[in-house]
Amino acid sequence: MDIREVSEMLGVTKATIYSWTSQNKIPHVKLSKRLLKFRESEFKDWIAEKSVIVNPACTTVRGRAHNQTTMPRQFGDDEIESITLEAKEEVLHGG
């Protein structure tokens, strides 16, 4: 994948993607100073790592969730957009 595809999928500018790659926040292949490529499988894995799965039996006490469970999961293409938005928020807001 190229930087344009990644920036469109995440809904951020190419400058943001360049910044994230220089900070090693997103997996990439650097072919030259301004030529970056992204392996689709690594990109999807990175997105999946950003997701938090909450146990349906989770209870809330005073606005705080308890008994949360996080676990890795494989995502289909139909779920990738929602996950990319969550990842974007996490990266932009230091989550």
N, C-alpha and C. Protein backbone atom coordinates (compact mmCIF):
# COMPACT_ATOMS: atom_id res chain seq x y z
N MET A 1 0.85 -1.17 0.00
CA MET A 1 0.00 0.00 0.00
C MET A 1 0.90 1.24 0.00
N ASP A 2 0.39 2.33 -0.57
CA ASP A 2 1.18 3.55 -0.55
C ASP A 2 0.64 4.52 0.50
N ILE A 3 1.32 5.62 0.67
CA ILE A 3 0.96 6.57 1.72
C ILE A 3 -0.41 7.18 1.49
N ARG A 4 -0.79 7.38 0.23
CA ARG A 4 -2.10 7.94 -0.07
C ARG A 4 -3.20 7.01 0.42
N GLU A 5 -3.05 5.72 0.14
CA GLU A 5 -4.05 4.74 0.56
C GLU A 5 -4.19 4.71 2.09
N VAL A 6 -3.06 4.72 2.77
CA VAL A 6 -3.08 4.66 4.23
C VAL A 6 -3.70 5.93 4.80
N SER A 7 -3.33 7.09 4.25
CA SER A 7 -3.88 8.34 4.77
C SER A 7 -5.39 8.41 4.54
N GLU A 8 -5.86 7.91 3.40
CA GLU A 8 -7.30 7.89 3.14
C GLU A 8 -8.02 6.92 4.06
N MET A 9 -7.44 5.75 4.29
CA MET A 9 -8.08 4.77 5.17
C MET A 9 -8.21 5.29 6.60
N LEU A 10 -7.19 6.02 7.06
CA LEU A 10 -7.20 6.54 8.43
C LEU A 10 -7.86 7.91 8.53
N GLY A 11 -8.07 8.56 7.40
CA GLY A 11 -8.70 9.88 7.41
C GLY A 11 -7.79 10.97 7.95
N VAL A 12 -6.48 10.82 7.68
CA VAL A 12 -5.51 11.84 8.10
C VAL A 12 -4.69 12.25 6.88
N THR A 13 -3.95 13.35 7.03
CA THR A 13 -3.14 13.83 5.91
C THR A 13 -1.90 12.96 5.72
N LYS A 14 -1.30 13.08 4.55
CA LYS A 14 -0.05 12.38 4.30
C LYS A 14 1.04 12.88 5.26
N ALA A 15 0.99 14.17 5.59
CA ALA A 15 1.97 14.73 6.53
C ALA A 15 1.87 14.02 7.88
N THR A 16 0.66 13.71 8.30
CA THR A 16 0.47 12.99 9.56
C THR A 16 1.08 11.60 9.47
N ILE A 17 0.89 10.93 8.35
CA ILE A 17 1.46 9.59 8.17
C ILE A 17 2.99 9.68 8.19
N TYR A 18 3.56 10.67 7.52
CA TYR A 18 5.02 10.85 7.56
C TYR A 18 5.49 11.06 9.01
N SER A 19 4.74 11.87 9.76
CA SER A 19 5.10 12.11 11.15
C SER A 19 5.05 10.82 11.96
N TRP A 20 3.98 10.04 11.80
CA TRP A 20 3.85 8.78 12.53
C TRP A 20 4.97 7.80 12.18
N THR A 21 5.34 7.77 10.89
CA THR A 21 6.42 6.84 10.51
C THR A 21 7.75 7.31 11.09
N SER A 22 7.98 8.62 11.13
CA SER A 22 9.25 9.10 11.70
C SER A 22 9.33 8.83 13.20
N GLN A 23 8.16 8.69 13.83
CA GLN A 23 8.09 8.38 15.26
C GLN A 23 7.91 6.87 15.50
N ASN A 24 7.92 6.11 14.41
CA ASN A 24 7.71 4.64 14.48
C ASN A 24 6.40 4.27 15.18
N LYS A 25 5.35 5.04 14.93
CA LYS A 25 4.04 4.75 15.50
C LYS A 25 3.22 3.81 14.61
N ILE A 26 3.64 3.67 13.37
CA ILE A 26 2.89 2.85 12.42
C ILE A 26 3.90 2.02 11.62
N PRO A 27 3.60 0.73 11.38
CA PRO A 27 4.56 -0.10 10.63
C PRO A 27 4.67 0.36 9.18
N HIS A 28 5.89 0.38 8.66
CA HIS A 28 6.11 0.84 7.29
C HIS A 28 7.43 0.31 6.75
N VAL A 29 7.57 0.47 5.44
CA VAL A 29 8.82 0.14 4.76
C VAL A 29 9.31 1.45 4.16
N LYS A 30 10.52 1.85 4.51
CA LYS A 30 11.07 3.12 4.02
C LYS A 30 12.04 2.83 2.89
N LEU A 31 11.63 3.16 1.66
CA LEU A 31 12.45 2.91 0.48
C LEU A 31 13.40 4.07 0.18
N SER A 32 13.01 5.28 0.59
CA SER A 32 13.87 6.45 0.48
C SER A 32 13.33 7.48 1.47
N LYS A 33 13.89 8.68 1.47
CA LYS A 33 13.48 9.69 2.45
C LYS A 33 11.98 9.98 2.40
N ARG A 34 11.40 10.05 1.22
CA ARG A 34 9.98 10.37 1.09
C ARG A 34 9.16 9.26 0.43
N LEU A 35 9.73 8.09 0.25
CA LEU A 35 8.99 6.99 -0.38
C LEU A 35 8.76 5.89 0.64
N LEU A 36 7.51 5.79 1.06
CA LEU A 36 7.12 4.80 2.05
C LEU A 36 6.11 3.83 1.45
N LYS A 37 6.18 2.61 1.89
CA LYS A 37 5.20 1.59 1.52
C LYS A 37 4.73 0.92 2.79
N PHE A 38 3.55 0.34 2.72
CA PHE A 38 2.96 -0.31 3.88
C PHE A 38 2.45 -1.68 3.46
N ARG A 39 2.84 -2.69 4.22
CA ARG A 39 2.34 -4.04 3.95
C ARG A 39 0.93 -4.12 4.52
N GLU A 40 -0.02 -4.53 3.67
CA GLU A 40 -1.41 -4.56 4.09
C GLU A 40 -1.62 -5.43 5.33
N SER A 41 -0.96 -6.58 5.39
CA SER A 41 -1.14 -7.47 6.54
C SER A 41 -0.62 -6.82 7.82
N GLU A 42 0.52 -6.14 7.75
CA GLU A 42 1.07 -5.46 8.93
C GLU A 42 0.17 -4.30 9.35
N PHE A 43 -0.36 -3.58 8.36
CA PHE A 43 -1.25 -2.46 8.64
C PHE A 43 -2.51 -2.95 9.34
N LYS A 44 -3.11 -4.03 8.84
CA LYS A 44 -4.32 -4.57 9.47
C LYS A 44 -4.03 -5.10 10.87
N ASP A 45 -2.88 -5.72 11.05
CA ASP A 45 -2.50 -6.19 12.38
C ASP A 45 -2.34 -5.02 13.34
N TRP A 46 -1.72 -3.93 12.87
CA TRP A 46 -1.53 -2.73 13.69
C TRP A 46 -2.88 -2.15 14.10
N ILE A 47 -3.81 -2.10 13.15
CA ILE A 47 -5.15 -1.61 13.44
C ILE A 47 -5.82 -2.51 14.48
N ALA A 48 -5.70 -3.82 14.29
CA ALA A 48 -6.32 -4.76 15.21
C ALA A 48 -5.77 -4.62 16.63
N GLU A 49 -4.48 -4.31 16.75
CA GLU A 49 -3.87 -4.13 18.07
C GLU A 49 -4.46 -2.93 18.81
N LYS A 50 -5.03 -1.99 18.07
CA LYS A 50 -5.59 -0.78 18.68
C LYS A 50 -6.98 -1.01 19.25
N SER A 51 -7.59 -2.12 18.91
CA SER A 51 -8.96 -2.39 19.33
C SER A 51 -9.00 -3.00 20.72
N VAL A 52 -9.99 -2.58 21.48
CA VAL A 52 -10.23 -3.15 22.81
C VAL A 52 -11.58 -3.84 22.77
N ILE A 53 -11.57 -5.11 23.11
CA ILE A 53 -12.80 -5.88 23.16
C ILE A 53 -13.24 -5.94 24.62
N VAL A 54 -14.46 -5.49 24.89
CA VAL A 54 -14.96 -5.47 26.24
C VAL A 54 -15.85 -6.69 26.46
N ASN A 55 -15.65 -7.36 27.57
CA ASN A 55 -16.45 -8.52 27.93
C ASN A 55 -17.91 -8.09 28.06
N PRO A 56 -18.85 -8.77 27.39
CA PRO A 56 -20.27 -8.40 27.48
C PRO A 56 -20.80 -8.47 28.91
N ALA A 57 -20.18 -9.25 29.78
CA ALA A 57 -20.62 -9.37 31.17
C ALA A 57 -20.06 -8.24 32.02
N CYS A 58 -19.39 -7.31 31.39
CA CYS A 58 -18.77 -6.19 32.10
C CYS A 58 -19.83 -5.38 32.82
N THR A 59 -19.55 -4.99 34.06
CA THR A 59 -20.46 -4.16 34.83
C THR A 59 -19.87 -2.77 34.97
N THR A 60 -20.71 -1.81 35.28
CA THR A 60 -20.24 -0.44 35.46
C THR A 60 -20.53 -0.01 36.89
N VAL A 61 -19.51 0.51 37.55
CA VAL A 61 -19.65 1.01 38.90
C VAL A 61 -19.13 2.44 38.93
N ARG A 62 -19.99 3.38 39.29
CA ARG A 62 -19.61 4.81 39.34
C ARG A 62 -18.96 5.27 38.04
N GLY A 63 -19.51 4.84 36.91
CA GLY A 63 -19.01 5.27 35.61
C GLY A 63 -17.75 4.59 35.16
N ARG A 64 -17.24 3.62 35.92
CA ARG A 64 -16.00 2.93 35.55
C ARG A 64 -16.31 1.49 35.22
N ALA A 65 -15.80 1.04 34.10
CA ALA A 65 -16.02 -0.34 33.69
C ALA A 65 -15.12 -1.28 34.47
N HIS A 66 -15.64 -2.43 34.80
CA HIS A 66 -14.87 -3.45 35.51
C HIS A 66 -14.92 -4.74 34.73
N ASN A 67 -13.96 -5.60 34.96
CA ASN A 67 -13.87 -6.91 34.30
C ASN A 67 -13.69 -6.79 32.79
N GLN A 68 -12.91 -5.80 32.35
CA GLN A 68 -12.65 -5.67 30.92
C GLN A 68 -11.64 -6.71 30.48
N THR A 69 -11.85 -7.20 29.26
CA THR A 69 -10.93 -8.18 28.69
C THR A 69 -10.46 -7.66 27.35
N THR A 70 -9.15 -7.67 27.14
CA THR A 70 -8.62 -7.32 25.82
C THR A 70 -7.97 -8.57 25.25
N MET A 71 -8.17 -8.78 23.97
CA MET A 71 -7.57 -9.93 23.32
C MET A 71 -7.38 -9.64 21.85
N PRO A 72 -6.34 -10.19 21.25
CA PRO A 72 -6.13 -9.98 19.81
C PRO A 72 -7.23 -10.65 19.02
N ARG A 73 -7.52 -10.11 17.86
CA ARG A 73 -8.60 -10.62 17.05
C ARG A 73 -8.32 -10.30 15.59
N GLN A 74 -8.76 -11.14 14.70
CA GLN A 74 -8.63 -10.88 13.28
C GLN A 74 -9.89 -10.14 12.81
N PHE A 75 -9.73 -9.14 11.95
CA PHE A 75 -10.84 -8.35 11.48
C PHE A 75 -11.01 -8.48 9.98
N GLY A 76 -12.25 -8.50 9.54
CA GLY A 76 -12.55 -8.51 8.12
C GLY A 76 -12.52 -7.10 7.57
N ASP A 77 -12.55 -6.99 6.26
CA ASP A 77 -12.49 -5.67 5.63
C ASP A 77 -13.65 -4.77 6.04
N ASP A 78 -14.82 -5.36 6.32
CA ASP A 78 -15.98 -4.56 6.69
C ASP A 78 -15.83 -3.88 8.06
N GLU A 79 -14.93 -4.37 8.90
CA GLU A 79 -14.72 -3.79 10.22
C GLU A 79 -13.56 -2.80 10.27
N ILE A 80 -12.76 -2.76 9.22
CA ILE A 80 -11.51 -1.99 9.25
C ILE A 80 -11.75 -0.48 9.40
N GLU A 81 -12.82 0.05 8.81
CA GLU A 81 -13.05 1.50 8.87
C GLU A 81 -13.29 1.98 10.30
N SER A 82 -14.11 1.28 11.04
CA SER A 82 -14.37 1.67 12.42
C SER A 82 -13.11 1.55 13.28
N ILE A 83 -12.33 0.53 13.03
CA ILE A 83 -11.10 0.34 13.80
C ILE A 83 -10.08 1.42 13.46
N THR A 84 -10.01 1.81 12.17
CA THR A 84 -9.05 2.85 11.80
C THR A 84 -9.40 4.18 12.45
N LEU A 85 -10.69 4.45 12.59
CA LEU A 85 -11.09 5.69 13.26
C LEU A 85 -10.65 5.67 14.72
N GLU A 86 -10.80 4.53 15.39
CA GLU A 86 -10.36 4.41 16.77
C GLU A 86 -8.84 4.59 16.88
N ALA A 87 -8.12 3.97 15.94
CA ALA A 87 -6.65 4.08 15.95
C ALA A 87 -6.22 5.52 15.72
N LYS A 88 -6.91 6.18 14.80
CA LYS A 88 -6.59 7.58 14.52
C LYS A 88 -6.76 8.43 15.78
N GLU A 89 -7.86 8.24 16.48
CA GLU A 89 -8.09 9.00 17.71
C GLU A 89 -7.00 8.71 18.74
N GLU A 90 -6.62 7.45 18.86
CA GLU A 90 -5.60 7.08 19.84
C GLU A 90 -4.27 7.74 19.52
N VAL A 91 -3.88 7.70 18.25
CA VAL A 91 -2.59 8.27 17.86
C VAL A 91 -2.62 9.80 17.98
N LEU A 92 -3.72 10.41 17.54
CA LEU A 92 -3.81 11.86 17.57
C LEU A 92 -3.87 12.42 18.99
N HIS A 93 -4.48 11.67 19.88
CA HIS A 93 -4.67 12.15 21.24
C HIS A 93 -3.79 11.44 22.25
N GLY A 94 -2.77 10.74 21.76
CA GLY A 94 -1.79 10.13 22.65
C GLY A 94 -2.33 8.99 23.49
N GLY A 95 -3.44 8.38 23.05
CA GLY A 95 -4.06 7.30 23.82
C GLY A 95 -3.20 6.13 23.89
